[in-house]
């Protein structure tokens, strides 16, 4: 993959992530939806993913750099996928025991270690189970799950592609293009 092609793909993924992030802020500030803890965790994963793609598109990495950027993006999208999947499960099972209220995230982070805070977020609250907005009969966490699954699939495909290209590269100094070898 040439440098220009790598940069343009990272930039397109950045634009997709920025649009998704913009929609989440629009729904919060213009429509008035209040995000729960899991929504904020998904938004953080999306912001990290978008930031990684922006850095990669500005940097224009080579083969090894592309591998690292796609790996970082894959980790961010996997974290978002797991978080969105957990919220979809919470919304699908209304009988599951969730706490009715939770302290504000700033209070949780101030008095507890981050691992405990993440565990409390994954336990869910009543806010996480409420479906307050749908589009084409899909809730916001389901849309988020679709986006993260698509980005995870793209990340896996690009990582496998980079590894495949690296494995096909000849070990000696001969040309990797058979058409050019006869010249």
N, C-alpha and C. Protein backbone atom coordinates (compact mmCIF):
# COMPACT_ATOMS: atom_id res chain seq x y z
N UNK A 1 0.85 -1.17 0.00
CA UNK A 1 0.00 0.00 0.00
C UNK A 1 0.89 1.22 0.00
N UNK A 2 0.67 2.10 -0.91
CA UNK A 2 1.50 3.30 -1.00
C UNK A 2 1.15 4.25 0.13
N UNK A 3 2.04 5.21 0.31
CA UNK A 3 1.86 6.19 1.37
C UNK A 3 0.57 6.99 1.19
N UNK A 4 0.29 7.41 -0.03
CA UNK A 4 -0.92 8.20 -0.28
C UNK A 4 -2.17 7.39 0.01
N UNK A 5 -2.16 6.12 -0.39
CA UNK A 5 -3.33 5.27 -0.16
C UNK A 5 -3.53 5.04 1.34
N UNK A 6 -2.45 4.82 2.07
CA UNK A 6 -2.54 4.62 3.51
C UNK A 6 -3.07 5.87 4.20
N UNK A 7 -2.55 7.01 3.82
CA UNK A 7 -3.01 8.26 4.42
C UNK A 7 -4.48 8.52 4.12
N UNK A 8 -4.90 8.28 2.90
CA UNK A 8 -6.30 8.56 2.55
C UNK A 8 -7.25 7.62 3.27
N UNK A 9 -6.85 6.36 3.47
CA UNK A 9 -7.71 5.44 4.21
C UNK A 9 -7.82 5.85 5.67
N UNK A 10 -6.69 6.20 6.28
CA UNK A 10 -6.75 6.68 7.67
C UNK A 10 -7.59 7.95 7.76
N UNK A 11 -7.48 8.83 6.76
CA UNK A 11 -8.26 10.06 6.79
C UNK A 11 -9.75 9.78 6.65
N UNK A 12 -10.12 8.85 5.77
CA UNK A 12 -11.54 8.50 5.61
C UNK A 12 -12.11 7.91 6.90
N UNK A 13 -11.33 7.08 7.56
CA UNK A 13 -11.78 6.50 8.83
C UNK A 13 -11.87 7.59 9.89
N UNK A 14 -10.93 8.53 9.87
CA UNK A 14 -11.00 9.67 10.79
C UNK A 14 -12.28 10.46 10.57
N UNK A 15 -12.62 10.73 9.31
CA UNK A 15 -13.83 11.50 9.01
C UNK A 15 -15.07 10.74 9.50
N UNK A 16 -15.11 9.43 9.29
CA UNK A 16 -16.25 8.63 9.77
C UNK A 16 -16.35 8.70 11.29
N UNK A 17 -15.23 8.58 11.97
CA UNK A 17 -15.24 8.67 13.43
C UNK A 17 -15.63 10.05 13.92
N UNK A 18 -15.14 11.09 13.24
CA UNK A 18 -15.49 12.45 13.63
C UNK A 18 -16.97 12.72 13.42
N UNK A 19 -17.53 12.20 12.34
CA UNK A 19 -18.97 12.35 12.11
C UNK A 19 -19.78 11.63 13.19
N UNK A 20 -19.37 10.43 13.55
CA UNK A 20 -20.07 9.69 14.61
C UNK A 20 -19.96 10.43 15.94
N UNK A 21 -18.79 10.98 16.22
CA UNK A 21 -18.60 11.75 17.44
C UNK A 21 -19.45 13.02 17.41
N UNK A 22 -19.51 13.66 16.26
CA UNK A 22 -20.35 14.86 16.11
C UNK A 22 -21.82 14.56 16.32
N UNK A 23 -22.28 13.42 15.79
CA UNK A 23 -23.68 13.03 15.99
C UNK A 23 -23.96 12.80 17.48
N UNK A 24 -23.01 12.19 18.19
CA UNK A 24 -23.25 11.94 19.62
C UNK A 24 -23.34 13.25 20.39
N UNK A 25 -22.49 14.24 20.05
CA UNK A 25 -22.60 15.54 20.71
C UNK A 25 -23.86 16.29 20.30
N UNK A 26 -24.28 16.15 19.05
CA UNK A 26 -25.52 16.77 18.60
C UNK A 26 -26.72 16.21 19.38
N UNK A 27 -26.74 14.88 19.52
CA UNK A 27 -27.85 14.26 20.26
C UNK A 27 -27.85 14.68 21.73
N UNK A 28 -26.67 14.94 22.27
CA UNK A 28 -26.62 15.36 23.67
C UNK A 28 -27.03 16.82 23.83
N UNK A 29 -26.44 17.70 23.04
CA UNK A 29 -26.64 19.13 23.28
C UNK A 29 -27.82 19.74 22.51
N UNK A 30 -28.13 19.27 21.32
CA UNK A 30 -29.23 19.84 20.55
C UNK A 30 -30.55 19.12 20.83
N UNK A 31 -30.50 17.80 20.90
CA UNK A 31 -31.73 17.03 21.12
C UNK A 31 -32.04 16.92 22.61
N UNK A 32 -31.00 16.89 23.45
CA UNK A 32 -31.23 16.85 24.89
C UNK A 32 -31.10 15.48 25.52
N UNK A 33 -30.54 14.52 24.83
CA UNK A 33 -30.34 13.20 25.42
C UNK A 33 -29.16 13.25 26.40
N UNK A 34 -29.34 12.67 27.57
CA UNK A 34 -28.27 12.64 28.55
C UNK A 34 -27.55 11.29 28.48
N UNK A 35 -26.24 11.28 28.23
CA UNK A 35 -25.53 10.01 28.12
C UNK A 35 -25.31 9.37 29.49
N UNK A 36 -25.41 8.05 29.51
CA UNK A 36 -25.12 7.31 30.74
C UNK A 36 -23.62 7.03 30.78
N UNK A 37 -23.17 6.33 31.81
CA UNK A 37 -21.75 6.02 31.95
C UNK A 37 -21.22 5.18 30.80
N UNK A 38 -22.00 4.22 30.35
CA UNK A 38 -21.54 3.37 29.25
C UNK A 38 -21.49 4.15 27.94
N UNK A 39 -22.40 5.09 27.76
CA UNK A 39 -22.37 5.94 26.57
C UNK A 39 -21.11 6.80 26.57
N UNK A 40 -20.75 7.32 27.74
CA UNK A 40 -19.54 8.13 27.85
C UNK A 40 -18.30 7.28 27.60
N UNK A 41 -18.31 6.03 28.06
CA UNK A 41 -17.19 5.13 27.80
C UNK A 41 -17.07 4.83 26.31
N UNK A 42 -18.20 4.63 25.64
CA UNK A 42 -18.18 4.42 24.18
C UNK A 42 -17.67 5.67 23.47
N UNK A 43 -18.08 6.82 23.95
CA UNK A 43 -17.63 8.08 23.34
C UNK A 43 -16.12 8.26 23.52
N UNK A 44 -15.61 7.85 24.68
CA UNK A 44 -14.17 7.93 24.91
C UNK A 44 -13.41 6.99 23.97
N UNK A 45 -13.93 5.77 23.78
CA UNK A 45 -13.31 4.83 22.84
C UNK A 45 -13.34 5.39 21.42
N UNK A 46 -14.44 6.01 21.05
CA UNK A 46 -14.57 6.60 19.73
C UNK A 46 -13.62 7.78 19.55
N UNK A 47 -13.46 8.59 20.58
CA UNK A 47 -12.54 9.73 20.50
C UNK A 47 -11.10 9.24 20.38
N UNK A 48 -10.73 8.21 21.12
CA UNK A 48 -9.39 7.65 21.01
C UNK A 48 -9.15 7.06 19.62
N UNK A 49 -10.13 6.33 19.12
CA UNK A 49 -10.03 5.74 17.78
C UNK A 49 -9.87 6.82 16.72
N UNK A 50 -10.67 7.87 16.83
CA UNK A 50 -10.62 8.97 15.88
C UNK A 50 -9.28 9.69 15.97
N UNK A 51 -8.78 9.87 17.19
CA UNK A 51 -7.49 10.51 17.37
C UNK A 51 -6.34 9.70 16.77
N UNK A 52 -6.39 8.39 16.94
CA UNK A 52 -5.36 7.52 16.35
C UNK A 52 -5.39 7.63 14.83
N UNK A 53 -6.57 7.64 14.25
CA UNK A 53 -6.68 7.74 12.79
C UNK A 53 -6.22 9.11 12.29
N UNK A 54 -6.50 10.16 13.05
CA UNK A 54 -6.02 11.48 12.67
C UNK A 54 -4.49 11.54 12.71
N UNK A 55 -3.90 11.01 13.78
CA UNK A 55 -2.44 11.00 13.87
C UNK A 55 -1.83 10.20 12.73
N UNK A 56 -2.44 9.08 12.40
CA UNK A 56 -1.92 8.25 11.31
C UNK A 56 -2.04 8.96 9.97
N UNK A 57 -3.14 9.67 9.73
CA UNK A 57 -3.30 10.35 8.45
C UNK A 57 -2.34 11.54 8.32
N UNK A 58 -2.05 12.19 9.42
CA UNK A 58 -1.10 13.30 9.38
C UNK A 58 0.33 12.77 9.27
N UNK A 59 0.61 11.69 9.99
CA UNK A 59 1.96 11.13 10.01
C UNK A 59 2.32 10.46 8.69
N UNK A 60 1.39 9.76 8.07
CA UNK A 60 1.68 9.04 6.84
C UNK A 60 2.71 7.94 7.06
N UNK A 61 2.38 6.96 7.89
CA UNK A 61 3.38 5.97 8.29
C UNK A 61 3.74 5.00 7.17
N UNK A 62 4.88 4.35 7.35
CA UNK A 62 5.29 3.27 6.46
C UNK A 62 4.59 1.99 6.87
N UNK A 63 5.17 0.86 6.48
CA UNK A 63 4.54 -0.43 6.73
C UNK A 63 4.45 -0.73 8.23
N UNK A 64 5.54 -0.57 8.96
CA UNK A 64 5.52 -0.87 10.39
C UNK A 64 4.65 0.12 11.15
N UNK A 65 4.71 1.40 10.78
CA UNK A 65 3.87 2.40 11.42
C UNK A 65 2.39 2.15 11.16
N UNK A 66 2.06 1.73 9.93
CA UNK A 66 0.67 1.39 9.63
C UNK A 66 0.20 0.24 10.51
N UNK A 67 1.08 -0.74 10.68
CA UNK A 67 0.73 -1.88 11.53
C UNK A 67 0.43 -1.40 12.95
N UNK A 68 1.27 -0.53 13.49
CA UNK A 68 1.05 -0.04 14.86
C UNK A 68 -0.21 0.81 14.96
N UNK A 69 -0.44 1.68 13.99
CA UNK A 69 -1.64 2.52 14.03
C UNK A 69 -2.90 1.67 13.90
N UNK A 70 -2.90 0.68 13.00
CA UNK A 70 -4.08 -0.17 12.87
C UNK A 70 -4.29 -1.01 14.12
N UNK A 71 -3.19 -1.42 14.76
CA UNK A 71 -3.30 -2.18 16.00
C UNK A 71 -3.91 -1.31 17.11
N UNK A 72 -3.44 -0.07 17.24
CA UNK A 72 -4.03 0.84 18.23
C UNK A 72 -5.50 1.12 17.92
N UNK A 73 -5.81 1.35 16.66
CA UNK A 73 -7.20 1.58 16.28
C UNK A 73 -8.07 0.36 16.55
N UNK A 74 -7.51 -0.82 16.30
CA UNK A 74 -8.25 -2.06 16.57
C UNK A 74 -8.53 -2.22 18.05
N UNK A 75 -7.57 -1.89 18.89
CA UNK A 75 -7.79 -1.99 20.34
C UNK A 75 -8.87 -1.02 20.80
N UNK A 76 -8.85 0.20 20.27
CA UNK A 76 -9.89 1.18 20.64
C UNK A 76 -11.27 0.72 20.15
N UNK A 77 -11.34 0.22 18.92
CA UNK A 77 -12.64 -0.21 18.40
C UNK A 77 -13.13 -1.47 19.09
N UNK A 78 -12.22 -2.35 19.50
CA UNK A 78 -12.64 -3.54 20.27
C UNK A 78 -13.21 -3.13 21.63
N UNK A 79 -12.56 -2.18 22.27
CA UNK A 79 -13.08 -1.70 23.56
C UNK A 79 -14.47 -1.08 23.38
N UNK A 80 -14.66 -0.31 22.32
CA UNK A 80 -15.97 0.26 22.04
C UNK A 80 -17.00 -0.80 21.70
N UNK A 81 -16.57 -1.84 20.97
CA UNK A 81 -17.48 -2.93 20.62
C UNK A 81 -17.97 -3.65 21.87
N UNK A 82 -17.05 -3.94 22.77
CA UNK A 82 -17.42 -4.65 24.00
C UNK A 82 -18.37 -3.79 24.84
N UNK A 83 -18.08 -2.51 24.93
CA UNK A 83 -18.93 -1.61 25.73
C UNK A 83 -20.33 -1.49 25.12
N UNK A 84 -20.40 -1.30 23.82
CA UNK A 84 -21.70 -1.18 23.16
C UNK A 84 -22.47 -2.50 23.24
N UNK A 85 -21.76 -3.61 23.09
CA UNK A 85 -22.41 -4.92 23.18
C UNK A 85 -23.02 -5.12 24.57
N UNK A 86 -22.28 -4.73 25.61
CA UNK A 86 -22.79 -4.87 26.98
C UNK A 86 -24.04 -4.00 27.18
N UNK A 87 -24.04 -2.81 26.62
CA UNK A 87 -25.21 -1.95 26.78
C UNK A 87 -26.40 -2.50 26.00
N UNK A 88 -26.16 -3.06 24.83
CA UNK A 88 -27.26 -3.69 24.08
C UNK A 88 -27.84 -4.86 24.87
N UNK A 89 -26.98 -5.63 25.52
CA UNK A 89 -27.46 -6.74 26.36
C UNK A 89 -28.28 -6.22 27.54
N UNK A 90 -27.82 -5.13 28.15
CA UNK A 90 -28.58 -4.55 29.26
C UNK A 90 -29.94 -4.06 28.81
N UNK A 91 -30.00 -3.46 27.62
CA UNK A 91 -31.28 -2.96 27.12
C UNK A 91 -32.19 -4.10 26.69
N UNK A 92 -31.63 -5.21 26.29
CA UNK A 92 -32.44 -6.33 25.82
C UNK A 92 -33.02 -7.16 26.95
N UNK A 93 -32.45 -7.06 28.15
CA UNK A 93 -32.93 -7.84 29.28
C UNK A 93 -33.35 -6.89 30.40
N UNK A 94 -34.60 -6.41 30.37
CA UNK A 94 -35.03 -5.43 31.37
C UNK A 94 -35.14 -6.01 32.78
N UNK A 95 -35.16 -7.33 32.90
CA UNK A 95 -35.29 -7.93 34.23
C UNK A 95 -33.95 -8.06 34.95
N UNK A 96 -32.86 -7.77 34.27
CA UNK A 96 -31.55 -7.87 34.89
C UNK A 96 -31.43 -6.84 36.00
N UNK A 97 -30.78 -7.23 37.07
CA UNK A 97 -30.63 -6.34 38.21
C UNK A 97 -29.57 -5.29 37.93
N UNK A 98 -29.98 -4.05 37.87
CA UNK A 98 -29.06 -2.94 37.72
C UNK A 98 -29.34 -1.94 38.83
N UNK A 99 -28.33 -1.18 39.20
CA UNK A 99 -28.53 -0.20 40.25
C UNK A 99 -29.41 0.94 39.73
N UNK A 100 -30.23 1.47 40.60
CA UNK A 100 -31.16 2.50 40.19
C UNK A 100 -30.49 3.86 40.05
N UNK A 101 -29.45 4.08 40.79
CA UNK A 101 -28.74 5.35 40.65
C UNK A 101 -27.25 5.09 40.86
N UNK A 102 -26.48 5.97 40.30
CA UNK A 102 -25.03 5.86 40.48
C UNK A 102 -24.47 7.25 40.69
N UNK A 103 -23.38 7.33 41.43
CA UNK A 103 -22.77 8.66 41.60
C UNK A 103 -22.20 9.16 40.29
N UNK A 104 -21.96 10.43 40.23
CA UNK A 104 -21.39 11.04 39.03
C UNK A 104 -20.00 10.47 38.78
N UNK A 105 -19.60 10.42 37.51
CA UNK A 105 -18.32 9.80 37.15
C UNK A 105 -17.14 10.50 37.82
N UNK A 106 -17.20 11.80 37.98
CA UNK A 106 -16.10 12.51 38.63
C UNK A 106 -15.96 12.07 40.08
N UNK A 107 -17.09 11.84 40.75
CA UNK A 107 -17.05 11.36 42.13
C UNK A 107 -16.49 9.94 42.20
N UNK A 108 -16.88 9.09 41.23
CA UNK A 108 -16.36 7.73 41.20
C UNK A 108 -14.85 7.71 41.00
N UNK A 109 -14.35 8.50 40.05
CA UNK A 109 -12.92 8.52 39.78
C UNK A 109 -12.13 9.15 40.93
N UNK A 110 -12.74 10.08 41.65
CA UNK A 110 -12.04 10.75 42.74
C UNK A 110 -11.80 9.83 43.92
N UNK A 111 -12.72 8.89 44.16
CA UNK A 111 -12.62 8.08 45.37
C UNK A 111 -12.29 6.61 45.13
N UNK A 112 -12.19 6.17 43.87
CA UNK A 112 -11.97 4.76 43.59
C UNK A 112 -10.91 4.58 42.51
N UNK A 113 -10.28 3.39 42.47
CA UNK A 113 -9.36 3.11 41.35
C UNK A 113 -10.12 2.94 40.05
N UNK A 114 -9.43 3.19 38.92
CA UNK A 114 -10.10 3.18 37.62
C UNK A 114 -10.68 1.82 37.28
N UNK A 115 -10.05 0.72 37.71
CA UNK A 115 -10.58 -0.61 37.40
C UNK A 115 -11.95 -0.82 38.06
N UNK A 116 -12.11 -0.31 39.26
CA UNK A 116 -13.39 -0.41 39.95
C UNK A 116 -14.46 0.42 39.23
N UNK A 117 -14.07 1.60 38.76
CA UNK A 117 -15.01 2.49 38.06
C UNK A 117 -15.50 1.82 36.78
N UNK A 118 -14.57 1.22 36.01
CA UNK A 118 -14.96 0.54 34.77
C UNK A 118 -15.89 -0.64 35.09
N UNK A 119 -15.59 -1.38 36.15
CA UNK A 119 -16.44 -2.50 36.55
C UNK A 119 -17.84 -2.01 36.92
N UNK A 120 -17.92 -0.90 37.63
CA UNK A 120 -19.22 -0.34 37.99
C UNK A 120 -19.99 0.11 36.75
N UNK A 121 -19.28 0.66 35.77
CA UNK A 121 -19.95 1.07 34.53
C UNK A 121 -20.50 -0.14 33.79
N UNK A 122 -19.75 -1.23 33.77
CA UNK A 122 -20.21 -2.42 33.07
C UNK A 122 -21.35 -3.11 33.80
N UNK A 123 -21.49 -2.88 35.09
CA UNK A 123 -22.65 -3.41 35.80
C UNK A 123 -23.92 -2.71 35.34
N UNK A 124 -23.78 -1.47 34.92
CA UNK A 124 -24.91 -0.73 34.36
C UNK A 124 -25.75 -0.04 35.41
N UNK A 125 -26.52 0.91 34.93
CA UNK A 125 -27.48 1.62 35.77
C UNK A 125 -28.82 1.61 35.05
N UNK A 126 -29.82 2.15 35.70
CA UNK A 126 -31.13 2.23 35.08
C UNK A 126 -31.09 3.12 33.84
N UNK A 127 -30.20 4.11 33.84
CA UNK A 127 -30.06 4.98 32.66
C UNK A 127 -29.57 4.20 31.45
N UNK A 128 -28.71 3.20 31.69
CA UNK A 128 -28.14 2.42 30.58
C UNK A 128 -29.17 1.50 29.93
N UNK A 129 -30.21 1.12 30.67
CA UNK A 129 -31.20 0.19 30.13
C UNK A 129 -32.33 0.90 29.39
N UNK A 130 -32.47 2.21 29.60
CA UNK A 130 -33.55 2.96 28.99
C UNK A 130 -33.24 3.27 27.52
N UNK A 131 -34.19 2.98 26.64
CA UNK A 131 -34.04 3.31 25.22
C UNK A 131 -34.79 4.61 24.99
N UNK A 132 -34.03 5.70 24.79
CA UNK A 132 -34.67 7.00 24.66
C UNK A 132 -34.66 7.54 23.24
N UNK A 133 -33.98 6.87 22.32
CA UNK A 133 -33.89 7.36 20.95
C UNK A 133 -33.65 6.18 20.03
N UNK A 134 -34.37 6.14 18.91
CA UNK A 134 -34.18 5.08 17.92
C UNK A 134 -34.18 5.69 16.52
N UNK A 135 -33.51 5.00 15.61
CA UNK A 135 -33.53 5.35 14.20
C UNK A 135 -33.59 4.03 13.45
N UNK A 136 -34.61 3.88 12.61
CA UNK A 136 -34.86 2.62 11.89
C UNK A 136 -34.97 1.45 12.87
N UNK A 137 -35.59 1.69 14.00
CA UNK A 137 -35.84 0.71 15.04
C UNK A 137 -34.57 0.18 15.69
N UNK A 138 -33.47 0.90 15.59
CA UNK A 138 -32.23 0.56 16.28
C UNK A 138 -31.93 1.64 17.31
N UNK A 139 -31.60 1.22 18.51
CA UNK A 139 -31.26 2.19 19.56
C UNK A 139 -29.86 2.74 19.33
N UNK A 140 -29.53 3.77 20.08
CA UNK A 140 -28.22 4.40 19.94
C UNK A 140 -27.07 3.42 20.24
N UNK A 141 -27.15 2.59 21.28
CA UNK A 141 -26.07 1.61 21.48
C UNK A 141 -25.96 0.58 20.35
N UNK A 142 -27.07 0.26 19.71
CA UNK A 142 -27.02 -0.67 18.58
C UNK A 142 -26.33 -0.02 17.38
N UNK A 143 -26.58 1.26 17.14
CA UNK A 143 -25.87 1.98 16.08
C UNK A 143 -24.39 2.06 16.41
N UNK A 144 -24.09 2.32 17.67
CA UNK A 144 -22.70 2.38 18.10
C UNK A 144 -22.01 1.03 17.90
N UNK A 145 -22.72 -0.04 18.23
CA UNK A 145 -22.18 -1.39 18.04
C UNK A 145 -21.91 -1.66 16.57
N UNK A 146 -22.83 -1.27 15.69
CA UNK A 146 -22.62 -1.45 14.25
C UNK A 146 -21.38 -0.70 13.77
N UNK A 147 -21.21 0.53 14.22
CA UNK A 147 -20.05 1.31 13.82
C UNK A 147 -18.76 0.67 14.31
N UNK A 148 -18.74 0.28 15.57
CA UNK A 148 -17.52 -0.31 16.12
C UNK A 148 -17.20 -1.66 15.48
N UNK A 149 -18.22 -2.44 15.18
CA UNK A 149 -17.97 -3.72 14.49
C UNK A 149 -17.39 -3.47 13.10
N UNK A 150 -17.91 -2.48 12.40
CA UNK A 150 -17.38 -2.15 11.08
C UNK A 150 -15.93 -1.69 11.18
N UNK A 151 -15.61 -0.87 12.16
CA UNK A 151 -14.24 -0.39 12.31
C UNK A 151 -13.31 -1.52 12.78
N UNK A 152 -13.82 -2.42 13.60
CA UNK A 152 -13.02 -3.58 14.01
C UNK A 152 -12.73 -4.47 12.82
N UNK A 153 -13.72 -4.69 11.98
CA UNK A 153 -13.54 -5.50 10.78
C UNK A 153 -12.51 -4.85 9.85
N UNK A 154 -12.62 -3.55 9.67
CA UNK A 154 -11.65 -2.84 8.84
C UNK A 154 -10.25 -2.93 9.42
N UNK A 155 -10.12 -2.78 10.73
CA UNK A 155 -8.82 -2.87 11.38
C UNK A 155 -8.20 -4.25 11.23
N UNK A 156 -9.00 -5.30 11.41
CA UNK A 156 -8.49 -6.66 11.24
C UNK A 156 -8.06 -6.88 9.80
N UNK A 157 -8.88 -6.44 8.85
CA UNK A 157 -8.55 -6.62 7.44
C UNK A 157 -7.26 -5.90 7.09
N UNK A 158 -7.08 -4.69 7.58
CA UNK A 158 -5.88 -3.93 7.27
C UNK A 158 -4.64 -4.52 7.95
N UNK A 159 -4.81 -5.00 9.18
CA UNK A 159 -3.68 -5.65 9.85
C UNK A 159 -3.25 -6.91 9.10
N UNK A 160 -4.22 -7.72 8.70
CA UNK A 160 -3.89 -8.93 7.94
C UNK A 160 -3.25 -8.57 6.61
N UNK A 161 -3.70 -7.50 5.99
CA UNK A 161 -3.13 -7.07 4.72
C UNK A 161 -1.68 -6.64 4.88
N UNK A 162 -1.39 -5.88 5.93
CA UNK A 162 -0.02 -5.43 6.18
C UNK A 162 0.88 -6.63 6.47
N UNK A 163 0.41 -7.58 7.25
CA UNK A 163 1.19 -8.78 7.55
C UNK A 163 1.40 -9.60 6.28
N UNK A 164 0.36 -9.73 5.46
CA UNK A 164 0.46 -10.50 4.22
C UNK A 164 1.51 -9.88 3.28
N UNK A 165 1.49 -8.58 3.15
CA UNK A 165 2.46 -7.89 2.30
C UNK A 165 3.87 -8.09 2.85
N UNK A 166 4.01 -8.02 4.17
CA UNK A 166 5.34 -8.20 4.78
C UNK A 166 5.84 -9.62 4.58
N UNK A 167 4.96 -10.60 4.62
CA UNK A 167 5.37 -11.99 4.43
C UNK A 167 5.72 -12.29 2.98
N UNK A 168 5.12 -11.60 2.04
CA UNK A 168 5.40 -11.83 0.63
C UNK A 168 6.66 -11.14 0.15
N UNK A 169 7.17 -10.22 0.94
CA UNK A 169 8.37 -9.49 0.55
C UNK A 169 9.55 -10.45 0.50
N UNK A 170 10.34 -10.41 -0.54
CA UNK A 170 11.48 -11.33 -0.65
C UNK A 170 12.55 -11.00 0.39
N UNK A 171 13.22 -12.04 0.86
CA UNK A 171 14.25 -11.85 1.87
C UNK A 171 15.56 -11.33 1.27
N UNK A 172 15.84 -11.70 0.04
CA UNK A 172 17.08 -11.24 -0.59
C UNK A 172 16.81 -9.93 -1.33
N UNK A 173 17.78 -9.50 -2.12
CA UNK A 173 17.66 -8.24 -2.81
C UNK A 173 16.93 -8.31 -4.12
N UNK A 174 16.37 -9.48 -4.49
CA UNK A 174 15.70 -9.58 -5.79
C UNK A 174 14.37 -8.84 -5.77
N UNK A 175 13.88 -8.56 -6.94
CA UNK A 175 12.64 -7.81 -7.10
C UNK A 175 11.44 -8.67 -6.72
N UNK A 176 10.48 -8.05 -6.09
CA UNK A 176 9.26 -8.76 -5.72
C UNK A 176 8.24 -8.74 -6.85
N UNK A 177 8.52 -8.00 -7.91
CA UNK A 177 7.63 -7.92 -9.06
C UNK A 177 8.21 -8.75 -10.20
N UNK A 178 7.56 -9.88 -10.55
CA UNK A 178 8.11 -10.75 -11.60
C UNK A 178 8.21 -10.03 -12.94
N UNK A 179 7.34 -9.09 -13.24
CA UNK A 179 7.38 -8.40 -14.54
C UNK A 179 8.63 -7.53 -14.62
N UNK A 180 9.07 -7.00 -13.50
CA UNK A 180 10.25 -6.13 -13.52
C UNK A 180 11.55 -6.92 -13.43
N UNK A 181 11.47 -8.19 -13.05
CA UNK A 181 12.68 -8.99 -12.86
C UNK A 181 13.41 -9.23 -14.18
N UNK A 182 12.68 -9.29 -15.28
CA UNK A 182 13.30 -9.55 -16.59
C UNK A 182 13.90 -8.33 -17.22
N UNK A 183 13.64 -7.14 -16.68
CA UNK A 183 14.15 -5.90 -17.29
C UNK A 183 15.63 -5.72 -17.10
